[in-house]
N, C-alpha and C. Protein backbone atom coordinates (compact mmCIF):
# COMPACT_ATOMS: atom_id res chain seq x y z
N UNK A 1 -23.54 -3.07 -9.72
CA UNK A 1 -23.89 -2.15 -8.66
C UNK A 1 -24.13 -2.90 -7.35
N UNK A 2 -24.83 -4.00 -7.44
CA UNK A 2 -25.15 -4.78 -6.25
C UNK A 2 -23.87 -5.28 -5.57
N UNK A 3 -22.91 -5.75 -6.37
CA UNK A 3 -21.65 -6.26 -5.82
C UNK A 3 -20.87 -5.15 -5.14
N UNK A 4 -20.91 -3.95 -5.68
CA UNK A 4 -20.20 -2.82 -5.08
C UNK A 4 -20.78 -2.49 -3.72
N UNK A 5 -22.09 -2.52 -3.60
CA UNK A 5 -22.73 -2.24 -2.30
C UNK A 5 -22.31 -3.27 -1.26
N UNK A 6 -22.31 -4.54 -1.65
CA UNK A 6 -21.91 -5.57 -0.71
C UNK A 6 -20.44 -5.44 -0.33
N UNK A 7 -19.59 -5.13 -1.31
CA UNK A 7 -18.17 -4.95 -1.02
C UNK A 7 -17.97 -3.80 -0.06
N UNK A 8 -18.63 -2.68 -0.30
CA UNK A 8 -18.49 -1.51 0.59
C UNK A 8 -18.98 -1.85 1.99
N UNK A 9 -20.11 -2.53 2.09
CA UNK A 9 -20.65 -2.88 3.40
C UNK A 9 -19.71 -3.83 4.14
N UNK A 10 -19.21 -4.83 3.42
CA UNK A 10 -18.34 -5.81 4.07
C UNK A 10 -17.02 -5.19 4.53
N UNK A 11 -16.45 -4.31 3.71
CA UNK A 11 -15.20 -3.67 4.12
C UNK A 11 -15.44 -2.70 5.28
N UNK A 12 -16.58 -2.02 5.28
CA UNK A 12 -16.91 -1.12 6.38
C UNK A 12 -17.07 -1.91 7.68
N UNK A 13 -17.72 -3.07 7.59
CA UNK A 13 -17.89 -3.92 8.77
C UNK A 13 -16.54 -4.41 9.27
N UNK A 14 -15.67 -4.82 8.36
CA UNK A 14 -14.35 -5.30 8.76
C UNK A 14 -13.53 -4.20 9.42
N UNK A 15 -13.60 -2.99 8.89
CA UNK A 15 -12.88 -1.86 9.50
C UNK A 15 -13.41 -1.57 10.89
N UNK A 16 -14.74 -1.59 11.04
CA UNK A 16 -15.35 -1.32 12.34
C UNK A 16 -14.97 -2.41 13.34
N UNK A 17 -15.02 -3.67 12.92
CA UNK A 17 -14.67 -4.78 13.81
C UNK A 17 -13.21 -4.68 14.26
N UNK A 18 -12.32 -4.37 13.34
CA UNK A 18 -10.90 -4.23 13.69
C UNK A 18 -10.69 -3.09 14.67
N UNK A 19 -11.34 -1.97 14.42
CA UNK A 19 -11.20 -0.82 15.32
C UNK A 19 -11.71 -1.16 16.72
N UNK A 20 -12.83 -1.87 16.79
CA UNK A 20 -13.38 -2.23 18.10
C UNK A 20 -12.49 -3.24 18.82
N UNK A 21 -11.96 -4.20 18.09
CA UNK A 21 -11.09 -5.21 18.72
C UNK A 21 -9.81 -4.55 19.24
N UNK A 22 -9.25 -3.64 18.46
CA UNK A 22 -7.99 -3.01 18.88
C UNK A 22 -8.17 -2.09 20.08
N UNK A 23 -9.39 -1.64 20.36
CA UNK A 23 -9.62 -0.78 21.53
C UNK A 23 -10.04 -1.57 22.76
N UNK A 24 -10.24 -2.87 22.63
CA UNK A 24 -10.60 -3.70 23.79
C UNK A 24 -9.41 -3.78 24.74
N UNK A 25 -9.70 -3.72 26.04
CA UNK A 25 -8.59 -3.77 27.00
C UNK A 25 -7.81 -5.08 26.98
N UNK A 26 -8.45 -6.17 26.60
CA UNK A 26 -7.77 -7.47 26.59
C UNK A 26 -7.33 -7.87 25.18
N UNK A 27 -7.10 -6.90 24.32
CA UNK A 27 -6.68 -7.17 22.95
C UNK A 27 -5.29 -7.82 22.93
N UNK A 28 -5.16 -8.93 22.22
CA UNK A 28 -3.84 -9.58 22.14
C UNK A 28 -2.87 -8.73 21.32
N UNK A 29 -1.60 -8.97 21.49
CA UNK A 29 -0.58 -8.22 20.75
C UNK A 29 -0.05 -9.01 19.55
N UNK A 30 -0.26 -10.31 19.54
CA UNK A 30 0.22 -11.14 18.43
C UNK A 30 -0.72 -10.99 17.23
N UNK A 31 -0.18 -10.69 16.05
CA UNK A 31 -1.03 -10.42 14.87
C UNK A 31 -2.01 -11.53 14.53
N UNK A 32 -1.60 -12.78 14.65
CA UNK A 32 -2.51 -13.89 14.32
C UNK A 32 -3.69 -13.94 15.29
N UNK A 33 -3.46 -13.67 16.55
CA UNK A 33 -4.54 -13.66 17.53
C UNK A 33 -5.48 -12.48 17.30
N UNK A 34 -4.92 -11.34 16.91
CA UNK A 34 -5.75 -10.18 16.58
C UNK A 34 -6.62 -10.52 15.38
N UNK A 35 -6.04 -11.14 14.38
CA UNK A 35 -6.77 -11.52 13.17
C UNK A 35 -7.94 -12.46 13.52
N UNK A 36 -7.68 -13.44 14.36
CA UNK A 36 -8.73 -14.38 14.76
C UNK A 36 -9.84 -13.68 15.51
N UNK A 37 -9.47 -12.76 16.39
CA UNK A 37 -10.48 -12.04 17.16
C UNK A 37 -11.31 -11.13 16.26
N UNK A 38 -10.67 -10.48 15.29
CA UNK A 38 -11.39 -9.62 14.36
C UNK A 38 -12.36 -10.45 13.53
N UNK A 39 -11.90 -11.60 13.03
CA UNK A 39 -12.78 -12.47 12.23
C UNK A 39 -14.01 -12.89 13.03
N UNK A 40 -13.83 -13.17 14.30
CA UNK A 40 -14.96 -13.57 15.14
C UNK A 40 -15.88 -12.38 15.42
N UNK A 41 -15.34 -11.18 15.51
CA UNK A 41 -16.11 -9.99 15.85
C UNK A 41 -16.87 -9.44 14.65
N UNK A 42 -16.48 -9.80 13.44
CA UNK A 42 -17.15 -9.32 12.24
C UNK A 42 -18.63 -9.70 12.25
N UNK A 43 -18.95 -10.90 12.68
CA UNK A 43 -20.35 -11.34 12.73
C UNK A 43 -21.16 -10.51 13.71
N UNK A 44 -20.53 -10.14 14.82
CA UNK A 44 -21.21 -9.31 15.82
C UNK A 44 -21.54 -7.94 15.24
N UNK A 45 -20.57 -7.34 14.57
CA UNK A 45 -20.78 -6.01 13.98
C UNK A 45 -21.82 -6.10 12.86
N UNK A 46 -21.75 -7.12 12.04
CA UNK A 46 -22.67 -7.26 10.92
C UNK A 46 -24.11 -7.46 11.39
N UNK A 47 -24.29 -8.09 12.53
CA UNK A 47 -25.64 -8.37 13.03
C UNK A 47 -26.32 -7.14 13.62
N UNK A 48 -25.57 -6.09 13.84
CA UNK A 48 -26.16 -4.90 14.46
C UNK A 48 -27.20 -4.23 13.57
N UNK A 49 -26.91 -4.16 12.27
CA UNK A 49 -27.83 -3.46 11.38
C UNK A 49 -27.69 -3.99 9.97
N UNK A 50 -28.81 -4.33 9.39
CA UNK A 50 -28.80 -4.77 7.99
C UNK A 50 -28.80 -3.55 7.08
N UNK A 51 -28.16 -3.68 5.96
CA UNK A 51 -28.13 -2.58 4.99
C UNK A 51 -29.43 -2.52 4.21
N UNK A 52 -29.67 -1.41 3.52
CA UNK A 52 -30.93 -1.28 2.77
C UNK A 52 -31.01 -2.24 1.59
N UNK A 53 -29.91 -2.83 1.19
CA UNK A 53 -29.91 -3.75 0.06
C UNK A 53 -30.04 -5.20 0.51
N UNK A 54 -30.04 -5.45 1.83
CA UNK A 54 -30.20 -6.81 2.34
C UNK A 54 -31.68 -7.07 2.59
N UNK A 55 -32.34 -7.51 1.58
CA UNK A 55 -33.76 -7.77 1.69
C UNK A 55 -34.06 -9.15 1.14
N UNK A 56 -35.17 -9.65 1.52
CA UNK A 56 -35.64 -10.94 1.02
C UNK A 56 -36.33 -10.68 -0.32
N UNK A 57 -35.82 -11.22 -1.40
CA UNK A 57 -36.49 -10.97 -2.68
C UNK A 57 -37.89 -11.58 -2.69
N UNK A 58 -38.82 -10.94 -3.37
CA UNK A 58 -40.18 -11.49 -3.40
C UNK A 58 -40.19 -12.86 -4.08
N UNK A 59 -41.07 -13.70 -3.61
CA UNK A 59 -41.20 -15.02 -4.20
C UNK A 59 -41.82 -14.96 -5.58
N UNK A 60 -41.58 -16.00 -6.34
CA UNK A 60 -42.16 -16.07 -7.68
C UNK A 60 -43.62 -16.46 -7.59
N UNK A 61 -44.46 -15.85 -8.40
CA UNK A 61 -45.88 -16.26 -8.41
C UNK A 61 -46.01 -17.68 -8.95
N UNK A 62 -46.93 -18.42 -8.44
CA UNK A 62 -47.13 -19.81 -8.87
C UNK A 62 -48.25 -19.92 -9.83
């Protein structure tokens, strides 16, 4: 279940990043350049909001 949530979140972020890059006025037309720009923009999109499953697990009692 945990892996499915991460997969869904990561694919949603990638889709959002690609959509945003393709709507930028200075978007390149060469596929490799678009790919590079999308890869760089994924971190920006991911940093906007953490998912409910991205939490710091509690530490172990000593």
